[in-house]
Amino acid sequence: MRTDCHQHLWPARLLDALRERTTPPFLDGWTLHLPGEPPCPIDPAAHDVVTRAAAETADGTGRALVSLSSPLGLEHLPGEDADPLLAAWNDGALELPDPFRVWAAAGVTDLDPGSLAKTLRQDRVVGLQLPATAFADPRAVARLEPLLAECELADKPVLIHPGPAPVCDTSDLPAWWPALVPYVQQLHASWLAWHVGGRERHPTLRIAFVALAGLAALHHERLAARGGALGRLDPLVHYETSSYGPRAIDALVRVVGVDPLVLGTDRPYAQPFDATDLPGFGAAFAHALTRSNPAHLLEGTPR
């Protein structure tokens, strides 16, 4: 089954909840306001369920895994603020039709592993998305142990996604700045934090980092030069491809191989590509990227 491991589609419940707010994060009509980013116009068609389902059918996608946009910062809000917003996401996304499946969201300020356990029992929930800003160092990873343990117990994976950009004066920044600077830095830090402080605590947890983990694995030579080591490749760590193309993918394959890579588009913020068109890869790589590797991430299917 062709699987797209990373998309965004906001259900009506979440849109309504964001429009009820008057402080960031909030929606004013179709303009998104975040503390660390310029006001961002949202295309209504990007969150039209019928339109998006038709696009997945046209692409031959059997599963499109949608996640809450962690740059919104909802997971970082205090529990009394976060809970209704996260419920609007989790409950609303579960109502989306095929081929959509759901990455659950959970608060990272006031942890509620019991509520997460109930959500993970839903068949349409594939796992838990966490913001990279909550994975910033080994101590942060250890703090989230109650949530990670529930995922491990449920045998469902974790997806690490960029979190909110730091609050700053955005008046002179181009619109792409958050995606290229703080997002990539967050992913790089979270990848290192997991390898230092996560795997030993959670030996069977499958985990994926969006956007090729900010290309963190390509720094293995510098890591070694500074006294660290990539060590044995972790077969339960995966790298999702969104916003990258053949050069970055080829470079990462040279370090971690083909098996850990999974297709993700980040739709509607980026568009899918035909994996068979990647120079030098071909049909076998396309099958691994879109079918067998996602099956290993989601179900633990042997490679």
Protein backbone atom coordinates (compact mmCIF):
# COMPACT_ATOMS: atom_id res chain seq x y z
CA MET A 1 0.00 0.00 0.00
CA ARG A 2 1.44 3.37 -1.02
CA THR A 3 1.81 5.44 2.15
CA ASP A 4 2.49 9.14 2.58
CA CYS A 5 3.77 9.39 6.15
CA HIS A 6 3.46 13.15 6.66
CA GLN A 7 0.69 15.53 5.66
CA HIS A 8 -1.38 18.28 7.27
CA LEU A 9 -5.15 18.61 7.00
CA TRP A 10 -6.97 20.61 9.66
CA PRO A 11 -10.46 19.34 10.45
CA ALA A 12 -13.33 21.79 11.01
CA ARG A 13 -13.20 21.28 14.78
CA LEU A 14 -9.61 22.52 14.95
CA LEU A 15 -10.27 25.45 12.62
CA ASP A 16 -13.18 26.55 14.80
CA ALA A 17 -11.12 26.19 17.99
CA LEU A 18 -8.28 28.29 16.56
CA ARG A 19 -10.73 31.00 15.45
CA GLU A 20 -12.12 31.23 18.96
CA ARG A 21 -8.71 32.34 20.30
CA THR A 22 -7.61 35.98 20.42
CA THR A 23 -3.93 35.43 21.31
CA PRO A 24 -1.40 33.46 19.25
CA PRO A 25 -1.74 30.79 18.11
CA PHE A 26 -5.03 31.76 16.47
CA LEU A 27 -6.78 32.05 13.13
CA ASP A 28 -8.30 35.32 11.94
CA GLY A 29 -10.44 34.09 9.08
CA TRP A 30 -7.81 32.29 7.03
CA THR A 31 -4.75 34.13 8.39
CA LEU A 32 -2.66 32.24 10.92
CA HIS A 33 -0.94 34.17 13.71
CA LEU A 34 1.97 32.55 15.57
CA PRO A 35 4.32 34.17 18.10
CA GLY A 36 7.54 33.47 16.18
CA GLU A 37 6.44 33.77 12.55
CA PRO A 38 4.98 36.45 10.27
CA PRO A 39 1.17 36.28 9.76
CA CYS A 40 0.57 33.48 7.27
CA PRO A 41 -2.36 33.30 4.82
CA ILE A 42 -3.85 29.79 4.65
CA ASP A 43 -5.34 28.46 1.42
CA PRO A 44 -8.87 27.23 2.27
CA ALA A 45 -8.62 24.57 -0.45
CA ALA A 46 -5.62 23.08 1.35
CA HIS A 47 -7.91 22.04 4.19
CA ASP A 48 -10.94 21.07 2.13
CA VAL A 49 -11.46 17.40 2.87
CA VAL A 50 -13.14 16.50 -0.43
CA THR A 51 -10.44 18.23 -2.49
CA ARG A 52 -7.63 16.61 -0.55
CA ALA A 53 -9.15 13.13 -0.65
CA ALA A 54 -9.50 13.45 -4.44
CA ALA A 55 -5.83 14.45 -4.72
CA GLU A 56 -4.77 11.35 -2.78
CA THR A 57 -6.91 9.13 -5.00
CA ALA A 58 -5.31 10.67 -8.07
CA ASP A 59 -1.85 9.96 -6.63
CA GLY A 60 -2.75 6.35 -5.82
CA THR A 61 -2.17 6.88 -2.09
CA GLY A 62 -3.57 4.11 0.08
CA ARG A 63 -2.75 5.84 3.38
CA ALA A 64 -2.13 9.53 3.98
CA LEU A 65 -1.00 10.15 7.54
CA VAL A 66 -2.05 13.59 8.76
CA SER A 67 -0.59 15.35 11.77
CA LEU A 68 -1.20 18.45 13.81
CA SER A 69 1.17 21.24 12.79
CA SER A 70 3.50 21.35 15.79
CA PRO A 71 4.78 24.86 14.87
CA LEU A 72 1.37 26.01 16.11
CA GLY A 73 2.70 25.36 19.59
CA LEU A 74 -0.51 23.76 20.87
CA GLU A 75 1.32 20.88 22.55
CA HIS A 76 3.39 23.36 24.58
CA LEU A 77 0.42 25.23 26.04
CA PRO A 78 -0.54 24.59 29.69
CA GLY A 79 -2.99 21.73 30.11
CA GLU A 80 -6.10 23.84 30.58
CA ASP A 81 -5.37 25.66 27.30
CA ALA A 82 -3.95 22.71 25.39
CA ASP A 83 -6.54 20.06 26.23
CA PRO A 84 -9.53 21.44 24.25
CA LEU A 85 -7.34 22.30 21.27
CA LEU A 86 -5.68 18.90 21.19
CA ALA A 87 -9.07 17.21 21.59
CA ALA A 88 -10.32 19.26 18.63
CA TRP A 89 -7.41 17.85 16.61
CA ASN A 90 -7.58 14.24 17.76
CA ASP A 91 -11.38 13.92 17.60
CA GLY A 92 -11.75 15.92 14.40
CA ALA A 93 -8.97 14.10 12.56
CA LEU A 94 -10.45 10.73 13.48
CA GLU A 95 -13.57 11.75 11.52
CA LEU A 96 -11.60 12.27 8.29
CA PRO A 97 -12.45 9.75 5.55
CA ASP A 98 -10.16 7.28 3.82
CA PRO A 99 -7.34 7.36 2.91
CA PHE A 100 -6.48 9.56 5.89
CA ARG A 101 -5.01 8.16 9.09
CA VAL A 102 -3.95 10.14 12.14
CA TRP A 103 -0.83 10.99 14.08
CA ALA A 104 -2.19 11.76 17.55
CA ALA A 105 -1.14 14.88 19.46
CA ALA A 106 -0.47 15.17 23.19
CA GLY A 107 0.50 17.97 25.55
CA VAL A 108 4.17 18.18 26.47
CA THR A 109 3.87 20.72 29.27
CA ASP A 110 1.34 18.91 31.46
CA LEU A 111 1.75 15.24 30.57
CA ASP A 112 -1.35 13.03 30.45
CA PRO A 113 -0.25 9.50 29.50
CA GLY A 114 -3.65 8.03 30.42
CA SER A 115 -5.45 10.18 27.86
CA LEU A 116 -2.81 9.33 25.25
CA ALA A 117 -3.25 5.60 25.91
CA LYS A 118 -6.97 5.90 25.10
CA THR A 119 -6.23 7.80 21.89
CA LEU A 120 -3.62 5.28 20.76
CA ARG A 121 -6.20 2.49 21.03
CA GLN A 122 -8.13 4.02 18.11
CA ASP A 123 -7.60 1.95 14.96
CA ARG A 124 -7.18 5.04 12.75
CA VAL A 125 -4.42 6.43 14.96
CA VAL A 126 -1.03 5.29 13.64
CA GLY A 127 1.11 6.77 16.41
CA LEU A 128 2.08 9.98 18.21
CA GLN A 129 3.57 13.15 16.79
CA LEU A 130 5.79 15.15 19.13
CA PRO A 131 7.36 18.58 18.57
CA ALA A 132 11.13 18.59 18.22
CA THR A 133 11.17 21.50 20.68
CA ALA A 134 10.16 18.99 23.37
CA PHE A 135 13.05 16.71 22.30
CA ALA A 136 15.77 19.33 22.48
CA ASP A 137 18.26 17.43 24.66
CA PRO A 138 18.55 14.09 26.49
CA ARG A 139 16.90 15.45 29.64
CA ALA A 140 13.91 16.61 27.60
CA VAL A 141 13.60 13.14 26.07
CA ALA A 142 13.73 11.59 29.55
CA ARG A 143 10.98 13.94 30.74
CA LEU A 144 8.64 12.62 28.02
CA GLU A 145 9.19 9.01 29.11
CA PRO A 146 5.53 8.57 30.24
CA LEU A 147 4.29 9.40 26.72
CA LEU A 148 6.98 7.41 24.95
CA ALA A 149 6.28 4.41 27.18
CA GLU A 150 2.61 4.45 26.15
CA CYS A 151 3.61 4.39 22.49
CA GLU A 152 5.99 1.52 23.12
CA LEU A 153 3.28 -0.37 25.00
CA ALA A 154 0.79 0.22 22.18
CA ASP A 155 3.43 -0.82 19.59
CA LYS A 156 2.87 2.42 17.69
CA PRO A 157 5.62 4.76 16.47
CA VAL A 158 6.52 8.36 17.23
CA LEU A 159 6.96 11.08 14.61
CA ILE A 160 9.24 14.01 15.50
CA HIS A 161 8.12 17.23 13.79
CA PRO A 162 9.46 20.79 14.05
CA GLY A 163 7.87 22.76 16.84
CA PRO A 164 7.21 26.48 17.24
CA ALA A 165 9.81 28.99 16.10
CA PRO A 166 11.28 31.13 18.88
CA VAL A 167 9.57 34.47 19.49
CA CYS A 168 11.44 37.22 17.66
CA ASP A 169 10.96 40.29 15.51
CA THR A 170 9.80 38.80 12.22
CA SER A 171 9.34 42.07 10.35
CA ASP A 172 12.50 41.73 8.27
CA LEU A 173 12.52 37.95 7.84
CA PRO A 174 11.50 36.19 4.61
CA ALA A 175 8.55 33.82 4.88
CA TRP A 176 10.79 30.77 4.47
CA TRP A 177 13.06 31.65 7.42
CA PRO A 178 11.40 29.45 10.08
CA ALA A 179 11.41 26.38 7.83
CA LEU A 180 15.11 26.75 6.97
CA VAL A 181 16.58 27.94 10.26
CA PRO A 182 14.83 27.02 13.54
CA TYR A 183 12.97 24.01 12.13
CA VAL A 184 16.15 22.38 10.80
CA GLN A 185 18.07 23.19 13.99
CA GLN A 186 15.31 21.65 16.10
CA LEU A 187 15.33 18.43 14.09
CA HIS A 188 19.11 18.18 14.26
CA ALA A 189 19.06 18.59 18.05
CA SER A 190 16.21 16.13 18.54
CA TRP A 191 17.95 13.44 16.47
CA LEU A 192 21.10 13.71 18.58
CA ALA A 193 19.06 13.83 21.81
CA TRP A 194 17.25 10.62 20.88
CA HIS A 195 20.46 8.75 20.16
CA VAL A 196 22.07 9.94 23.39
CA GLY A 197 19.12 9.72 25.75
CA GLY A 198 16.23 7.90 24.12
CA ARG A 199 17.04 4.53 22.61
CA GLU A 200 18.47 3.02 25.78
CA ARG A 201 15.27 3.92 27.65
CA HIS A 202 12.95 2.71 24.89
CA PRO A 203 14.63 -0.22 23.12
CA THR A 204 11.62 -1.26 20.98
CA LEU A 205 10.14 2.13 20.08
CA ARG A 206 10.00 2.92 16.37
CA ILE A 207 10.62 6.59 15.64
CA ALA A 208 10.74 8.80 12.55
CA PHE A 209 12.12 12.29 12.03
CA VAL A 210 10.51 14.48 9.39
CA ALA A 211 12.56 16.31 6.76
CA LEU A 212 15.39 13.77 6.96
CA ALA A 213 16.03 14.84 10.59
CA GLY A 214 17.40 18.12 9.32
CA LEU A 215 20.17 16.09 7.63
CA ALA A 216 21.62 15.39 11.07
CA ALA A 217 23.09 12.02 10.06
CA LEU A 218 25.27 13.75 7.44
CA HIS A 219 27.26 15.28 10.30
CA HIS A 220 28.65 11.90 11.38
CA GLU A 221 32.20 12.87 10.39
CA ARG A 222 32.09 16.05 12.45
CA LEU A 223 30.53 14.08 15.28
CA ALA A 224 33.45 11.65 15.22
CA ALA A 225 35.97 14.50 15.02
CA ARG A 226 34.49 15.96 18.20
CA GLY A 227 34.61 12.73 20.13
CA GLY A 228 31.23 11.16 19.36
CA ALA A 229 30.20 8.39 17.01
CA LEU A 230 27.17 7.47 14.94
CA GLY A 231 27.75 3.89 16.02
CA ARG A 232 25.69 0.98 14.77
CA LEU A 233 22.79 2.11 12.63
CA ASP A 234 19.55 2.00 14.60
CA PRO A 235 17.07 -0.11 12.57
CA LEU A 236 14.09 1.47 14.36
CA VAL A 237 14.94 5.07 13.36
CA HIS A 238 13.37 6.34 10.14
CA TYR A 239 13.80 9.46 8.04
CA GLU A 240 10.85 11.08 6.28
CA THR A 241 11.62 12.90 3.03
CA SER A 242 9.43 16.03 2.95
CA SER A 243 10.84 19.19 1.37
CA TYR A 244 13.95 17.38 0.13
CA GLY A 245 14.82 15.99 -3.28
CA PRO A 246 17.30 13.71 -5.00
CA ARG A 247 20.55 15.33 -3.83
CA ALA A 248 19.72 15.26 -0.13
CA ILE A 249 18.11 11.82 -0.36
CA ASP A 250 21.14 10.41 -2.21
CA ALA A 251 23.48 11.89 0.40
CA LEU A 252 21.52 10.39 3.29
CA VAL A 253 21.29 6.98 1.64
CA ARG A 254 25.10 6.93 1.50
CA VAL A 255 25.16 7.23 5.31
CA VAL A 256 22.13 5.28 6.58
CA GLY A 257 21.11 3.17 3.56
CA VAL A 258 17.73 2.80 1.89
CA ASP A 259 15.80 0.91 4.57
CA PRO A 260 15.18 3.82 7.01
CA LEU A 261 13.74 6.25 4.45
CA VAL A 262 9.96 6.77 4.18
CA LEU A 263 7.96 8.97 1.86
CA GLY A 264 6.41 12.11 3.29
CA THR A 265 5.18 15.11 1.35
CA ASP A 266 4.24 17.69 4.00
CA ARG A 267 1.21 18.43 1.83
CA PRO A 268 -0.09 21.17 1.42
CA TYR A 269 3.18 22.97 2.26
CA ALA A 270 5.10 20.93 -0.29
CA GLN A 271 4.00 18.69 -3.11
CA PRO A 272 4.64 14.98 -3.75
CA PHE A 273 7.24 13.75 -6.19
CA ASP A 274 7.38 10.54 -8.19
CA ALA A 275 9.98 8.42 -6.43
CA THR A 276 10.66 6.51 -9.65
CA ASP A 277 11.96 9.78 -11.13
CA LEU A 278 14.79 10.12 -8.61
CA PRO A 279 18.00 9.81 -10.65
CA GLY A 280 19.88 6.59 -10.04
CA PHE A 281 17.28 4.97 -7.76
CA GLY A 282 14.54 3.34 -9.82
CA ALA A 283 11.50 1.19 -9.11
CA ALA A 284 12.96 -0.89 -6.29
CA PHE A 285 13.84 2.22 -4.32
CA ALA A 286 10.39 3.69 -5.00
CA HIS A 287 8.75 0.54 -3.65
CA ALA A 288 10.88 0.64 -0.50
CA LEU A 289 10.25 4.36 0.08
CA THR A 290 6.50 4.26 -0.40
CA ARG A 291 5.52 0.74 0.72
CA SER A 292 7.89 -1.59 2.55
CA ASN A 293 9.73 1.01 4.64
CA PRO A 294 6.51 2.71 5.84
CA ALA A 295 5.13 -0.74 6.74
CA HIS A 296 8.18 -1.32 8.93
CA LEU A 297 7.75 2.08 10.61
CA LEU A 298 4.02 1.70 11.25
CA GLU A 299 3.57 -1.99 11.91
CA GLY A 300 7.07 -3.26 12.58
CA THR A 301 6.80 -5.43 9.47
CA PRO A 302 10.15 -7.23 8.91
CA ARG A 303 12.22 -5.86 6.08
